């Protein structure tokens, strides 16, 4: 990254919270790494988000194959092409991590606050809203 930064390449660092197996410790490690990157590369753009189980992804297929998730979300999870991704992110967190969705949202928010406005980006829409 130092070579790229030194050569004038615009750096983007995407980070994601709420992936399968996520713990409070792993979220804190990710946050500290983001803090290090922002401190080390002043022009870095930081992208932060909850894990978003997009249709066709392994995360989505795992959720769609989980009976409890389908019962909670509804059968339309297997039938429709349009999904409530904020809600799916919440279910992903509930069933496949050791943290709650509020903690994930808080870490996304804290991470985005590390950089000045215009250098902090979130994935998708309403990444901090919805869910369980």
N, C-alpha and C. Protein backbone atom coordinates (compact mmCIF):
# COMPACT_ATOMS: atom_id res chain seq x y z
N UNK A 1 0.82 -1.18 0.00
CA UNK A 1 0.00 0.00 0.00
C UNK A 1 0.87 1.25 0.00
N UNK A 2 2.01 1.17 0.68
CA UNK A 2 2.89 2.33 0.71
C UNK A 2 3.40 2.68 -0.68
N UNK A 3 3.76 1.65 -1.46
CA UNK A 3 4.23 1.90 -2.83
C UNK A 3 3.14 2.52 -3.68
N UNK A 4 1.95 1.98 -3.58
CA UNK A 4 0.83 2.52 -4.36
C UNK A 4 0.51 3.95 -3.95
N UNK A 5 0.47 4.19 -2.65
CA UNK A 5 0.20 5.53 -2.15
C UNK A 5 1.29 6.50 -2.61
N UNK A 6 2.55 6.06 -2.53
CA UNK A 6 3.67 6.89 -2.96
C UNK A 6 3.63 7.20 -4.44
N UNK A 7 3.04 6.31 -5.22
CA UNK A 7 2.94 6.51 -6.67
C UNK A 7 1.70 7.33 -7.04
N UNK A 8 0.95 7.77 -6.04
CA UNK A 8 -0.21 8.61 -6.30
C UNK A 8 -1.48 7.85 -6.62
N UNK A 9 -1.48 6.54 -6.39
CA UNK A 9 -2.68 5.74 -6.64
C UNK A 9 -3.68 6.00 -5.52
N UNK A 10 -4.92 6.27 -5.88
CA UNK A 10 -5.97 6.46 -4.87
C UNK A 10 -6.27 5.12 -4.21
N UNK A 11 -6.18 5.09 -2.89
CA UNK A 11 -6.40 3.85 -2.15
C UNK A 11 -7.82 3.80 -1.59
N UNK A 12 -8.42 2.63 -1.72
CA UNK A 12 -9.73 2.36 -1.15
C UNK A 12 -9.58 1.12 -0.28
N UNK A 13 -10.09 1.17 0.94
CA UNK A 13 -10.02 0.03 1.84
C UNK A 13 -11.44 -0.39 2.21
N UNK A 14 -11.93 -1.49 1.64
CA UNK A 14 -13.26 -1.97 2.03
C UNK A 14 -13.17 -2.86 3.26
N UNK A 15 -14.01 -2.61 4.23
CA UNK A 15 -14.09 -3.48 5.40
C UNK A 15 -15.55 -3.87 5.61
N UNK A 16 -15.75 -5.05 6.16
CA UNK A 16 -17.09 -5.57 6.33
C UNK A 16 -17.21 -6.20 7.71
N UNK A 17 -18.29 -5.90 8.37
CA UNK A 17 -18.58 -6.47 9.68
C UNK A 17 -19.78 -7.40 9.58
N UNK A 18 -19.80 -8.44 10.41
CA UNK A 18 -20.93 -9.35 10.46
C UNK A 18 -20.81 -10.55 9.56
N UNK A 19 -19.59 -10.85 9.14
CA UNK A 19 -19.38 -12.07 8.34
C UNK A 19 -19.53 -13.29 9.24
N UNK A 20 -19.79 -14.47 8.67
CA UNK A 20 -19.93 -15.67 9.48
C UNK A 20 -18.75 -15.85 10.43
N UNK A 21 -19.07 -16.16 11.68
CA UNK A 21 -18.04 -16.37 12.70
C UNK A 21 -17.58 -15.10 13.39
N UNK A 22 -18.14 -13.96 13.02
CA UNK A 22 -17.72 -12.68 13.61
C UNK A 22 -17.92 -12.69 15.12
N UNK A 23 -16.95 -12.13 15.84
CA UNK A 23 -17.02 -11.98 17.29
C UNK A 23 -16.74 -10.52 17.63
N UNK A 24 -16.96 -10.16 18.89
CA UNK A 24 -16.62 -8.80 19.32
C UNK A 24 -15.13 -8.54 19.12
N UNK A 25 -14.32 -9.54 19.43
CA UNK A 25 -12.87 -9.39 19.26
C UNK A 25 -12.49 -9.17 17.80
N UNK A 26 -13.10 -9.93 16.89
CA UNK A 26 -12.74 -9.76 15.48
C UNK A 26 -13.22 -8.41 14.94
N UNK A 27 -14.38 -7.93 15.43
CA UNK A 27 -14.83 -6.61 15.01
C UNK A 27 -13.87 -5.53 15.51
N UNK A 28 -13.42 -5.67 16.74
CA UNK A 28 -12.48 -4.69 17.28
C UNK A 28 -11.16 -4.72 16.52
N UNK A 29 -10.69 -5.91 16.17
CA UNK A 29 -9.45 -6.02 15.38
C UNK A 29 -9.62 -5.34 14.02
N UNK A 30 -10.75 -5.56 13.38
CA UNK A 30 -11.01 -4.92 12.09
C UNK A 30 -11.05 -3.40 12.25
N UNK A 31 -11.71 -2.93 13.30
CA UNK A 31 -11.79 -1.50 13.55
C UNK A 31 -10.40 -0.91 13.79
N UNK A 32 -9.58 -1.58 14.58
CA UNK A 32 -8.23 -1.07 14.86
C UNK A 32 -7.39 -1.05 13.59
N UNK A 33 -7.58 -2.04 12.72
CA UNK A 33 -6.85 -2.05 11.45
C UNK A 33 -7.30 -0.88 10.57
N UNK A 34 -8.61 -0.63 10.54
CA UNK A 34 -9.13 0.51 9.77
C UNK A 34 -8.54 1.81 10.32
N UNK A 35 -8.47 1.92 11.63
CA UNK A 35 -7.90 3.11 12.27
C UNK A 35 -6.44 3.28 11.88
N UNK A 36 -5.69 2.18 11.86
CA UNK A 36 -4.29 2.21 11.44
C UNK A 36 -4.17 2.68 9.98
N UNK A 37 -4.99 2.12 9.11
CA UNK A 37 -4.94 2.50 7.69
C UNK A 37 -5.24 3.98 7.50
N UNK A 38 -6.27 4.47 8.16
CA UNK A 38 -6.64 5.88 8.03
C UNK A 38 -5.51 6.77 8.54
N UNK A 39 -4.87 6.38 9.64
CA UNK A 39 -3.76 7.15 10.18
C UNK A 39 -2.52 7.09 9.32
N UNK A 40 -2.34 6.00 8.61
CA UNK A 40 -1.14 5.80 7.79
C UNK A 40 -1.27 6.38 6.39
N UNK A 41 -2.48 6.45 5.88
CA UNK A 41 -2.70 6.90 4.50
C UNK A 41 -3.78 7.98 4.50
N UNK A 42 -3.38 9.25 4.64
CA UNK A 42 -4.34 10.35 4.80
C UNK A 42 -5.35 10.50 3.67
N UNK A 43 -5.05 10.04 2.47
CA UNK A 43 -5.99 10.18 1.35
C UNK A 43 -6.83 8.93 1.10
N UNK A 44 -6.67 7.94 1.94
CA UNK A 44 -7.40 6.68 1.79
C UNK A 44 -8.91 6.91 1.89
N UNK A 45 -9.66 6.24 1.02
CA UNK A 45 -11.12 6.22 1.13
C UNK A 45 -11.49 4.92 1.82
N UNK A 46 -12.26 5.03 2.88
CA UNK A 46 -12.66 3.87 3.66
C UNK A 46 -14.10 3.51 3.31
N UNK A 47 -14.31 2.27 2.93
CA UNK A 47 -15.64 1.75 2.66
C UNK A 47 -15.98 0.78 3.78
N UNK A 48 -17.11 0.96 4.44
CA UNK A 48 -17.48 0.08 5.54
C UNK A 48 -18.94 -0.31 5.42
N UNK A 49 -19.24 -1.55 5.78
CA UNK A 49 -20.61 -2.04 5.66
C UNK A 49 -20.80 -3.28 6.53
N UNK A 50 -22.07 -3.58 6.75
CA UNK A 50 -22.43 -4.88 7.29
C UNK A 50 -22.28 -5.88 6.15
N UNK A 51 -22.18 -7.16 6.48
CA UNK A 51 -22.19 -8.19 5.45
C UNK A 51 -23.56 -8.16 4.78
N UNK A 52 -23.57 -8.11 3.46
CA UNK A 52 -24.82 -8.05 2.71
C UNK A 52 -24.95 -9.34 1.89
N UNK A 53 -25.89 -10.21 2.24
CA UNK A 53 -26.05 -11.47 1.52
C UNK A 53 -26.80 -11.27 0.20
N UNK A 54 -26.07 -10.84 -0.81
CA UNK A 54 -26.67 -10.58 -2.12
C UNK A 54 -27.15 -11.88 -2.77
N UNK A 55 -28.23 -11.80 -3.49
CA UNK A 55 -28.79 -12.95 -4.18
C UNK A 55 -27.73 -13.63 -5.04
N UNK A 56 -27.60 -14.95 -4.89
CA UNK A 56 -26.62 -15.71 -5.65
C UNK A 56 -25.30 -15.90 -4.92
N UNK A 57 -25.06 -15.13 -3.86
CA UNK A 57 -23.80 -15.27 -3.11
C UNK A 57 -23.88 -16.45 -2.16
N UNK A 58 -22.75 -16.89 -1.68
CA UNK A 58 -22.70 -17.98 -0.71
C UNK A 58 -23.48 -17.59 0.55
N UNK A 59 -23.33 -16.34 0.99
CA UNK A 59 -24.07 -15.89 2.18
C UNK A 59 -25.58 -16.03 1.96
N UNK A 60 -26.05 -15.59 0.80
CA UNK A 60 -27.48 -15.68 0.51
C UNK A 60 -27.94 -17.13 0.46
N UNK A 61 -27.21 -17.96 -0.24
CA UNK A 61 -27.60 -19.37 -0.38
C UNK A 61 -27.60 -20.07 0.97
N UNK A 62 -26.67 -19.70 1.84
CA UNK A 62 -26.63 -20.27 3.19
C UNK A 62 -27.89 -19.88 3.96
N UNK A 63 -28.26 -18.61 3.89
CA UNK A 63 -29.48 -18.15 4.56
C UNK A 63 -30.71 -18.84 3.99
N UNK A 64 -30.80 -18.91 2.66
CA UNK A 64 -31.96 -19.52 2.01
C UNK A 64 -32.08 -21.01 2.33
N UNK A 65 -30.96 -21.64 2.68
CA UNK A 65 -30.97 -23.06 3.02
C UNK A 65 -31.20 -23.33 4.50
N UNK A 66 -31.33 -22.29 5.30
CA UNK A 66 -31.53 -22.44 6.74
C UNK A 66 -33.03 -22.36 7.04
N UNK A 67 -33.58 -23.45 7.54
CA UNK A 67 -35.01 -23.54 7.82
C UNK A 67 -35.49 -22.42 8.76
N UNK A 68 -34.72 -22.14 9.82
CA UNK A 68 -35.11 -21.10 10.77
C UNK A 68 -35.16 -19.72 10.11
N UNK A 69 -34.19 -19.45 9.25
CA UNK A 69 -34.15 -18.16 8.55
C UNK A 69 -35.37 -18.04 7.63
N UNK A 70 -35.67 -19.11 6.89
CA UNK A 70 -36.81 -19.08 5.97
C UNK A 70 -38.11 -18.88 6.75
N UNK A 71 -38.24 -19.55 7.90
CA UNK A 71 -39.44 -19.37 8.72
C UNK A 71 -39.56 -17.92 9.20
N UNK A 72 -38.44 -17.32 9.59
CA UNK A 72 -38.46 -15.95 10.10
C UNK A 72 -38.65 -14.92 8.99
N UNK A 73 -38.01 -15.12 7.87
CA UNK A 73 -38.10 -14.17 6.75
C UNK A 73 -39.37 -14.38 5.95
N UNK A 74 -39.73 -15.64 5.75
CA UNK A 74 -40.89 -15.99 4.94
C UNK A 74 -40.46 -16.77 3.70
N UNK A 75 -41.39 -17.53 3.17
CA UNK A 75 -41.12 -18.37 2.01
C UNK A 75 -40.70 -17.58 0.78
N UNK A 76 -41.04 -16.27 0.76
CA UNK A 76 -40.65 -15.45 -0.39
C UNK A 76 -39.14 -15.39 -0.56
N UNK A 77 -38.41 -15.77 0.47
CA UNK A 77 -36.95 -15.83 0.35
C UNK A 77 -36.53 -16.79 -0.75
N UNK A 78 -37.33 -17.83 -0.96
CA UNK A 78 -37.01 -18.81 -1.99
C UNK A 78 -37.75 -18.55 -3.31
N UNK A 79 -38.67 -17.58 -3.29
CA UNK A 79 -39.53 -17.39 -4.45
C UNK A 79 -39.34 -16.07 -5.20
N UNK A 80 -38.97 -15.02 -4.49
CA UNK A 80 -38.91 -13.69 -5.10
C UNK A 80 -37.51 -13.34 -5.60
N UNK A 81 -37.46 -12.30 -6.41
CA UNK A 81 -36.18 -11.79 -6.90
C UNK A 81 -35.78 -10.49 -6.21
N UNK A 82 -36.69 -9.91 -5.43
CA UNK A 82 -36.41 -8.66 -4.72
C UNK A 82 -36.45 -8.97 -3.23
N UNK A 83 -35.39 -8.54 -2.53
CA UNK A 83 -35.26 -8.90 -1.12
C UNK A 83 -35.02 -7.67 -0.26
N UNK A 84 -35.34 -7.79 1.00
CA UNK A 84 -35.04 -6.77 1.99
C UNK A 84 -33.64 -7.09 2.52
N UNK A 85 -32.63 -6.48 1.88
CA UNK A 85 -31.25 -6.83 2.22
C UNK A 85 -30.85 -6.39 3.62
N UNK A 86 -31.44 -5.32 4.12
CA UNK A 86 -31.15 -4.91 5.50
C UNK A 86 -31.64 -6.00 6.46
N UNK A 87 -32.81 -6.53 6.19
CA UNK A 87 -33.35 -7.61 7.03
C UNK A 87 -32.51 -8.88 6.90
N UNK A 88 -32.11 -9.21 5.67
CA UNK A 88 -31.25 -10.38 5.47
C UNK A 88 -29.92 -10.22 6.18
N UNK A 89 -29.37 -9.01 6.18
CA UNK A 89 -28.12 -8.77 6.90
C UNK A 89 -28.31 -9.02 8.39
N UNK A 90 -29.46 -8.59 8.92
CA UNK A 90 -29.76 -8.83 10.33
C UNK A 90 -29.88 -10.31 10.64
N UNK A 91 -30.51 -11.06 9.75
CA UNK A 91 -30.64 -12.51 9.95
C UNK A 91 -29.28 -13.20 9.83
N UNK A 92 -28.46 -12.74 8.91
CA UNK A 92 -27.11 -13.27 8.77
C UNK A 92 -26.36 -13.10 10.09
N UNK A 93 -26.47 -11.91 10.66
CA UNK A 93 -25.80 -11.64 11.93
C UNK A 93 -26.36 -12.52 13.04
N UNK A 94 -27.68 -12.61 13.11
CA UNK A 94 -28.34 -13.38 14.17
C UNK A 94 -27.94 -14.86 14.17
N UNK A 95 -27.93 -15.46 13.00
CA UNK A 95 -27.73 -16.91 12.92
C UNK A 95 -26.29 -17.36 12.70
N UNK A 96 -25.42 -16.46 12.26
CA UNK A 96 -24.08 -16.92 11.87
C UNK A 96 -22.93 -16.15 12.51
N UNK A 97 -23.23 -15.31 13.51
CA UNK A 97 -22.16 -14.61 14.22
C UNK A 97 -22.38 -14.73 15.72
N UNK A 98 -21.39 -14.27 16.48
CA UNK A 98 -21.50 -14.25 17.93
C UNK A 98 -21.76 -12.84 18.45
N UNK A 99 -22.26 -11.97 17.59
CA UNK A 99 -22.56 -10.58 17.97
C UNK A 99 -23.99 -10.27 17.58
N UNK A 100 -24.50 -9.14 18.07
CA UNK A 100 -25.86 -8.78 17.63
C UNK A 100 -25.77 -7.68 16.58
N UNK A 101 -26.87 -7.49 15.88
CA UNK A 101 -26.89 -6.58 14.75
C UNK A 101 -26.60 -5.14 15.16
N UNK A 102 -27.03 -4.75 16.36
CA UNK A 102 -26.74 -3.41 16.85
C UNK A 102 -25.25 -3.16 16.99
N UNK A 103 -24.52 -4.17 17.46
CA UNK A 103 -23.06 -4.04 17.57
C UNK A 103 -22.42 -3.90 16.20
N UNK A 104 -22.89 -4.68 15.25
CA UNK A 104 -22.35 -4.60 13.89
C UNK A 104 -22.57 -3.19 13.33
N UNK A 105 -23.78 -2.68 13.47
CA UNK A 105 -24.10 -1.33 12.98
C UNK A 105 -23.22 -0.28 13.66
N UNK A 106 -22.98 -0.45 14.95
CA UNK A 106 -22.15 0.51 15.69
C UNK A 106 -20.72 0.50 15.16
N UNK A 107 -20.17 -0.67 14.87
CA UNK A 107 -18.81 -0.73 14.33
C UNK A 107 -18.73 -0.14 12.92
N UNK A 108 -19.76 -0.35 12.12
CA UNK A 108 -19.78 0.28 10.79
C UNK A 108 -19.76 1.80 10.97
N UNK A 109 -20.61 2.30 11.84
CA UNK A 109 -20.70 3.74 12.08
C UNK A 109 -19.37 4.29 12.60
N UNK A 110 -18.78 3.62 13.60
CA UNK A 110 -17.50 4.06 14.16
C UNK A 110 -16.42 4.10 13.08
N UNK A 111 -16.43 3.10 12.23
CA UNK A 111 -15.41 3.02 11.17
C UNK A 111 -15.58 4.17 10.19
N UNK A 112 -16.81 4.45 9.79
CA UNK A 112 -17.06 5.53 8.85
C UNK A 112 -16.71 6.89 9.45
N UNK A 113 -16.79 7.00 10.76
CA UNK A 113 -16.45 8.26 11.44
C UNK A 113 -14.94 8.49 11.55
N UNK A 114 -14.14 7.51 11.19
CA UNK A 114 -12.68 7.65 11.26
C UNK A 114 -12.13 8.64 10.23
N UNK A 115 -12.85 8.82 9.15
CA UNK A 115 -12.35 9.66 8.06
C UNK A 115 -13.29 10.84 7.83
N UNK A 116 -12.74 11.92 7.27
CA UNK A 116 -13.58 13.09 6.99
C UNK A 116 -14.67 12.78 5.96
N UNK A 117 -15.71 13.58 5.99
CA UNK A 117 -16.80 13.43 5.03
C UNK A 117 -16.25 13.44 3.61
N UNK A 118 -16.78 12.58 2.79
CA UNK A 118 -16.31 12.48 1.41
C UNK A 118 -15.29 11.38 1.22
N UNK A 119 -14.67 10.93 2.31
CA UNK A 119 -13.71 9.84 2.22
C UNK A 119 -14.25 8.58 2.89
N UNK A 120 -15.46 8.64 3.40
CA UNK A 120 -16.09 7.48 4.03
C UNK A 120 -17.29 7.07 3.18
N UNK A 121 -17.31 5.82 2.80
CA UNK A 121 -18.37 5.31 1.95
C UNK A 121 -18.97 4.05 2.55
N UNK A 122 -20.26 3.85 2.37
CA UNK A 122 -20.91 2.63 2.79
C UNK A 122 -21.38 1.87 1.56
N UNK A 123 -21.50 0.57 1.67
CA UNK A 123 -22.00 -0.25 0.57
C UNK A 123 -23.52 -0.24 0.59
N UNK A 124 -24.13 -0.23 -0.56
CA UNK A 124 -25.57 -0.38 -0.65
C UNK A 124 -26.32 0.78 -0.06
N UNK A 125 -27.61 0.57 0.16
CA UNK A 125 -28.46 1.61 0.73
C UNK A 125 -28.88 1.21 2.12
N UNK A 126 -29.00 2.17 2.98
CA UNK A 126 -29.47 1.95 4.34
C UNK A 126 -28.69 0.86 5.06
N UNK A 127 -27.36 0.90 4.94
CA UNK A 127 -26.55 -0.15 5.54
C UNK A 127 -26.63 -0.16 7.06
N UNK A 128 -27.07 0.94 7.64
CA UNK A 128 -27.17 0.99 9.09
C UNK A 128 -28.60 0.84 9.58
N UNK A 129 -29.54 0.68 8.67
CA UNK A 129 -30.94 0.58 9.05
C UNK A 129 -31.45 -0.83 8.81
N UNK A 130 -32.63 -1.09 9.32
CA UNK A 130 -33.28 -2.37 9.09
C UNK A 130 -32.64 -3.50 9.86
N UNK A 131 -32.94 -4.71 9.46
CA UNK A 131 -32.40 -5.88 10.14
C UNK A 131 -33.24 -6.23 11.35
N UNK A 132 -32.66 -7.09 12.18
CA UNK A 132 -33.37 -7.55 13.38
C UNK A 132 -32.79 -6.94 14.61
